[in-house]
Amino acid sequence: MAHAAPTALRRHPYRGSAAVDHSGRNALIRALLLGLVYGVWAAFIKRDTGPVDAGNVFYGILCGALFAACMFGLNRVGPRLMREVHATAYGAFAGIAVGYLHSLTGASVFSSTVIGLFSGVGIGAVAFYRYYTREP
């Protein structure tokens, strides 16, 4: 049919004899990598142009581990939530994370709250759009 528009290909999961759920492993790797970036960023801000010491390293590891754990948990629980709640959870998580990083710079509480609020609302809106347009 020359008049029919092409359709998008459907992606089917691998259903072989040794089917392995790779989505959990990929989510864990993604969360760990983003946690590493977040931890390094937090430690770098906390260092404040001073020398790198053990306290900064442990602070970065702690921030990165907490970020990765929250992100992995949100990734595991999120698909079971309604799309509005799922998007709101990601927006709140992103707003808190960005607001906390901004507070490490020594900015005021009001400034950190506004930056976190705007980034959380923006990321929540983008997440809602993504979940709304890709619902099954």
C-alpha atoms as a PDB file:
ATOM      1  CA  MET A   1       0.000   0.000   0.000  1.00  0.00           C
ATOM      2  CA  ALA A   2       1.652   3.154  -1.174  1.00  0.00           C
ATOM      3  CA  HIS A   3      -0.630   5.449   0.799  1.00  0.00           C
ATOM      4  CA  ALA A   4      -0.020   3.853   4.220  1.00  0.00           C
ATOM      5  CA  ALA A   5       2.413   5.549   6.546  1.00  0.00           C
ATOM      6  CA  PRO A   6       5.196   3.438   8.007  1.00  0.00           C
ATOM      7  CA  THR A   7       4.730   2.442  11.618  1.00  0.00           C
ATOM      8  CA  ALA A   8       7.275   2.256  14.373  1.00  0.00           C
ATOM      9  CA  LEU A   9       8.805  -1.124  15.021  1.00  0.00           C
ATOM     10  CA  ARG A  10       7.764  -2.838  18.225  1.00  0.00           C
ATOM     11  CA  ARG A  11      10.493  -3.948  20.536  1.00  0.00           C
ATOM     12  CA  HIS A  12       9.996  -7.365  22.010  1.00  0.00           C
ATOM     13  CA  PRO A  13      12.063  -8.588  24.929  1.00  0.00           C
ATOM     14  CA  TYR A  14      14.379 -11.494  24.374  1.00  0.00           C
ATOM     15  CA  ARG A  15      12.479 -14.700  25.095  1.00  0.00           C
ATOM     16  CA  GLY A  16      15.147 -17.323  24.592  1.00  0.00           C
ATOM     17  CA  SER A  17      15.727 -20.380  26.725  1.00  0.00           C
ATOM     18  CA  ALA A  18      18.090 -18.498  29.001  1.00  0.00           C
ATOM     19  CA  ALA A  19      16.104 -15.283  29.304  1.00  0.00           C
ATOM     20  CA  VAL A  20      17.721 -12.893  31.751  1.00  0.00           C
ATOM     21  CA  ASP A  21      16.203  -9.664  32.995  1.00  0.00           C
ATOM     22  CA  HIS A  22      18.793  -7.087  31.964  1.00  0.00           C
ATOM     23  CA  SER A  23      16.648  -4.089  32.886  1.00  0.00           C
ATOM     24  CA  GLY A  24      17.489  -4.405  36.584  1.00  0.00           C
ATOM     25  CA  ARG A  25      21.197  -4.634  35.885  1.00  0.00           C
ATOM     26  CA  ASN A  26      21.076  -1.672  33.492  1.00  0.00           C
ATOM     27  CA  ALA A  27      19.142   0.373  36.038  1.00  0.00           C
ATOM     28  CA  LEU A  28      21.706  -0.462  38.703  1.00  0.00           C
ATOM     29  CA  ILE A  29      24.624   0.485  36.466  1.00  0.00           C
ATOM     30  CA  ARG A  30      22.900   3.726  35.451  1.00  0.00           C
ATOM     31  CA  ALA A  31      22.151   4.608  39.079  1.00  0.00           C
ATOM     32  CA  LEU A  32      25.728   3.851  40.146  1.00  0.00           C
ATOM     33  CA  LEU A  33      27.215   5.965  37.363  1.00  0.00           C
ATOM     34  CA  LEU A  34      24.942   8.913  38.094  1.00  0.00           C
ATOM     35  CA  GLY A  35      25.634   8.460  41.811  1.00  0.00           C
ATOM     36  CA  LEU A  36      29.358   8.591  41.076  1.00  0.00           C
ATOM     37  CA  VAL A  37      28.946  11.844  39.134  1.00  0.00           C
ATOM     38  CA  TYR A  38      26.747  13.323  41.878  1.00  0.00           C
ATOM     39  CA  GLY A  39      29.195  12.285  44.610  1.00  0.00           C
ATOM     40  CA  VAL A  40      32.198  13.740  42.797  1.00  0.00           C
ATOM     41  CA  TRP A  41      30.281  16.942  42.147  1.00  0.00           C
ATOM     42  CA  ALA A  42      29.218  17.245  45.798  1.00  0.00           C
ATOM     43  CA  ALA A  43      32.745  16.536  47.051  1.00  0.00           C
ATOM     44  CA  PHE A  44      34.162  19.079  44.621  1.00  0.00           C
ATOM     45  CA  ILE A  45      31.763  21.778  45.816  1.00  0.00           C
ATOM     46  CA  LYS A  46      32.351  20.887  49.476  1.00  0.00           C
ATOM     47  CA  ARG A  47      36.129  21.063  48.978  1.00  0.00           C
ATOM     48  CA  ASP A  48      35.856  24.809  48.204  1.00  0.00           C
ATOM     49  CA  THR A  49      39.280  25.110  46.500  1.00  0.00           C
ATOM     50  CA  GLY A  50      41.051  23.608  49.475  1.00  0.00           C
ATOM     51  CA  PRO A  51      43.157  20.466  49.488  1.00  0.00           C
ATOM     52  CA  VAL A  52      41.518  17.103  48.949  1.00  0.00           C
ATOM     53  CA  ASP A  53      41.374  15.171  52.211  1.00  0.00           C
ATOM     54  CA  ALA A  54      39.757  12.003  53.484  1.00  0.00           C
ATOM     55  CA  GLY A  55      36.694  13.898  54.695  1.00  0.00           C
ATOM     56  CA  ASN A  56      35.920  15.149  51.187  1.00  0.00           C
ATOM     57  CA  VAL A  57      36.354  11.687  49.728  1.00  0.00           C
ATOM     58  CA  PHE A  58      34.043  10.077  52.289  1.00  0.00           C
ATOM     59  CA  TYR A  59      31.524  12.886  51.859  1.00  0.00           C
ATOM     60  CA  GLY A  60      31.473  12.314  48.104  1.00  0.00           C
ATOM     61  CA  ILE A  61      31.087   8.558  48.561  1.00  0.00           C
ATOM     62  CA  LEU A  62      28.218   9.058  51.012  1.00  0.00           C
ATOM     63  CA  CYS A  63      26.389  11.553  48.773  1.00  0.00           C
ATOM     64  CA  GLY A  64      26.892   9.367  45.717  1.00  0.00           C
ATOM     65  CA  ALA A  65      25.718   6.214  47.486  1.00  0.00           C
ATOM     66  CA  LEU A  66      22.580   7.915  48.817  1.00  0.00           C
ATOM     67  CA  PHE A  67      21.816   9.391  45.407  1.00  0.00           C
ATOM     68  CA  ALA A  68      22.313   6.034  43.675  1.00  0.00           C
ATOM     69  CA  ALA A  69      20.178   4.181  46.243  1.00  0.00           C
ATOM     70  CA  CYS A  70      17.318   6.669  45.926  1.00  0.00           C
ATOM     71  CA  MET A  71      17.500   6.636  42.147  1.00  0.00           C
ATOM     72  CA  PHE A  72      17.584   2.835  41.975  1.00  0.00           C
ATOM     73  CA  GLY A  73      14.647   2.577  44.380  1.00  0.00           C
ATOM     74  CA  LEU A  74      12.670   5.123  42.381  1.00  0.00           C
ATOM     75  CA  ASN A  75      13.470   3.227  39.209  1.00  0.00           C
ATOM     76  CA  ARG A  76      12.196  -0.044  40.707  1.00  0.00           C
ATOM     77  CA  VAL A  77       9.044   1.361  42.346  1.00  0.00           C
ATOM     78  CA  GLY A  78       8.192   4.052  39.786  1.00  0.00           C
ATOM     79  CA  PRO A  79       6.716   1.922  36.985  1.00  0.00           C
ATOM     80  CA  ARG A  80       4.089   0.569  39.396  1.00  0.00           C
ATOM     81  CA  LEU A  81       2.861   4.080  40.200  1.00  0.00           C
ATOM     82  CA  MET A  82       0.376   6.174  38.263  1.00  0.00           C
ATOM     83  CA  ARG A  83       2.097   8.345  35.677  1.00  0.00           C
ATOM     84  CA  GLU A  84       1.304  11.558  37.586  1.00  0.00           C
ATOM     85  CA  VAL A  85       2.770  10.236  40.826  1.00  0.00           C
ATOM     86  CA  HIS A  86       5.735   8.726  38.991  1.00  0.00           C
ATOM     87  CA  ALA A  87       6.572  12.054  37.332  1.00  0.00           C
ATOM     88  CA  THR A  88       6.058  13.926  40.607  1.00  0.00           C
ATOM     89  CA  ALA A  89       8.424  11.551  42.394  1.00  0.00           C
ATOM     90  CA  TYR A  90      11.153  12.098  39.807  1.00  0.00           C
ATOM     91  CA  GLY A  91      10.567  15.858  39.915  1.00  0.00           C
ATOM     92  CA  ALA A  92      10.795  15.914  43.715  1.00  0.00           C
ATOM     93  CA  PHE A  93      13.924  13.770  43.674  1.00  0.00           C
ATOM     94  CA  ALA A  94      15.608  15.993  41.096  1.00  0.00           C
ATOM     95  CA  GLY A  95      14.565  19.191  42.875  1.00  0.00           C
ATOM     96  CA  ILE A  96      15.907  17.981  46.208  1.00  0.00           C
ATOM     97  CA  ALA A  97      19.168  16.814  44.621  1.00  0.00           C
ATOM     98  CA  VAL A  98      19.766  20.067  42.735  1.00  0.00           C
ATOM     99  CA  GLY A  99      18.707  22.215  45.685  1.00  0.00           C
ATOM    100  CA  TYR A 100      21.106  20.359  47.975  1.00  0.00           C
ATOM    101  CA  LEU A 101      24.003  20.795  45.553  1.00  0.00           C
ATOM    102  CA  HIS A 102      23.191  24.488  45.305  1.00  0.00           C
ATOM    103  CA  SER A 103      23.104  24.793  49.096  1.00  0.00           C
ATOM    104  CA  LEU A 104      26.645  23.415  49.291  1.00  0.00           C
ATOM    105  CA  THR A 105      27.922  26.515  47.485  1.00  0.00           C
ATOM    106  CA  GLY A 106      27.041  28.658  50.481  1.00  0.00           C
ATOM    107  CA  ALA A 107      23.979  30.212  48.897  1.00  0.00           C
ATOM    108  CA  SER A 108      20.997  31.222  50.990  1.00  0.00           C
ATOM    109  CA  VAL A 109      18.253  28.775  51.882  1.00  0.00           C
ATOM    110  CA  PHE A 110      15.763  30.776  49.811  1.00  0.00           C
ATOM    111  CA  SER A 111      17.995  30.664  46.739  1.00  0.00           C
ATOM    112  CA  SER A 112      18.553  26.914  47.099  1.00  0.00           C
ATOM    113  CA  THR A 113      14.825  26.364  47.529  1.00  0.00           C
ATOM    114  CA  VAL A 114      13.944  28.393  44.429  1.00  0.00           C
ATOM    115  CA  ILE A 115      16.591  26.680  42.288  1.00  0.00           C
ATOM    116  CA  GLY A 116      15.470  23.255  43.517  1.00  0.00           C
ATOM    117  CA  LEU A 117      11.801  24.092  43.006  1.00  0.00           C
ATOM    118  CA  PHE A 118      12.249  25.319  39.443  1.00  0.00           C
ATOM    119  CA  SER A 119      14.447  22.398  38.434  1.00  0.00           C
ATOM    120  CA  GLY A 120      12.070  19.922  40.082  1.00  0.00           C
ATOM    121  CA  VAL A 121       9.029  21.389  38.335  1.00  0.00           C
ATOM    122  CA  GLY A 122      10.845  21.342  34.998  1.00  0.00           C
ATOM    123  CA  ILE A 123      12.066  17.774  35.333  1.00  0.00           C
ATOM    124  CA  GLY A 124       8.683  16.651  36.641  1.00  0.00           C
ATOM    125  CA  ALA A 125       6.958  18.225  33.622  1.00  0.00           C
ATOM    126  CA  VAL A 126       9.369  16.551  31.212  1.00  0.00           C
ATOM    127  CA  ALA A 127       8.920  13.208  32.988  1.00  0.00           C
ATOM    128  CA  PHE A 128       5.130  13.568  32.885  1.00  0.00           C
ATOM    129  CA  TYR A 129       5.260  14.311  29.158  1.00  0.00           C
ATOM    130  CA  ARG A 130       7.452  11.264  28.584  1.00  0.00           C
ATOM    131  CA  TYR A 131       5.210   8.946  30.615  1.00  0.00           C
ATOM    132  CA  TYR A 132       2.043  10.395  29.078  1.00  0.00           C
ATOM    133  CA  THR A 133       3.212   9.931  25.493  1.00  0.00           C
ATOM    134  CA  ARG A 134       4.668   6.452  26.025  1.00  0.00           C
ATOM    135  CA  GLU A 135       1.957   4.772  28.032  1.00  0.00           C
ATOM    136  CA  PRO A 136       1.061   1.227  26.996  1.00  0.00           C
END
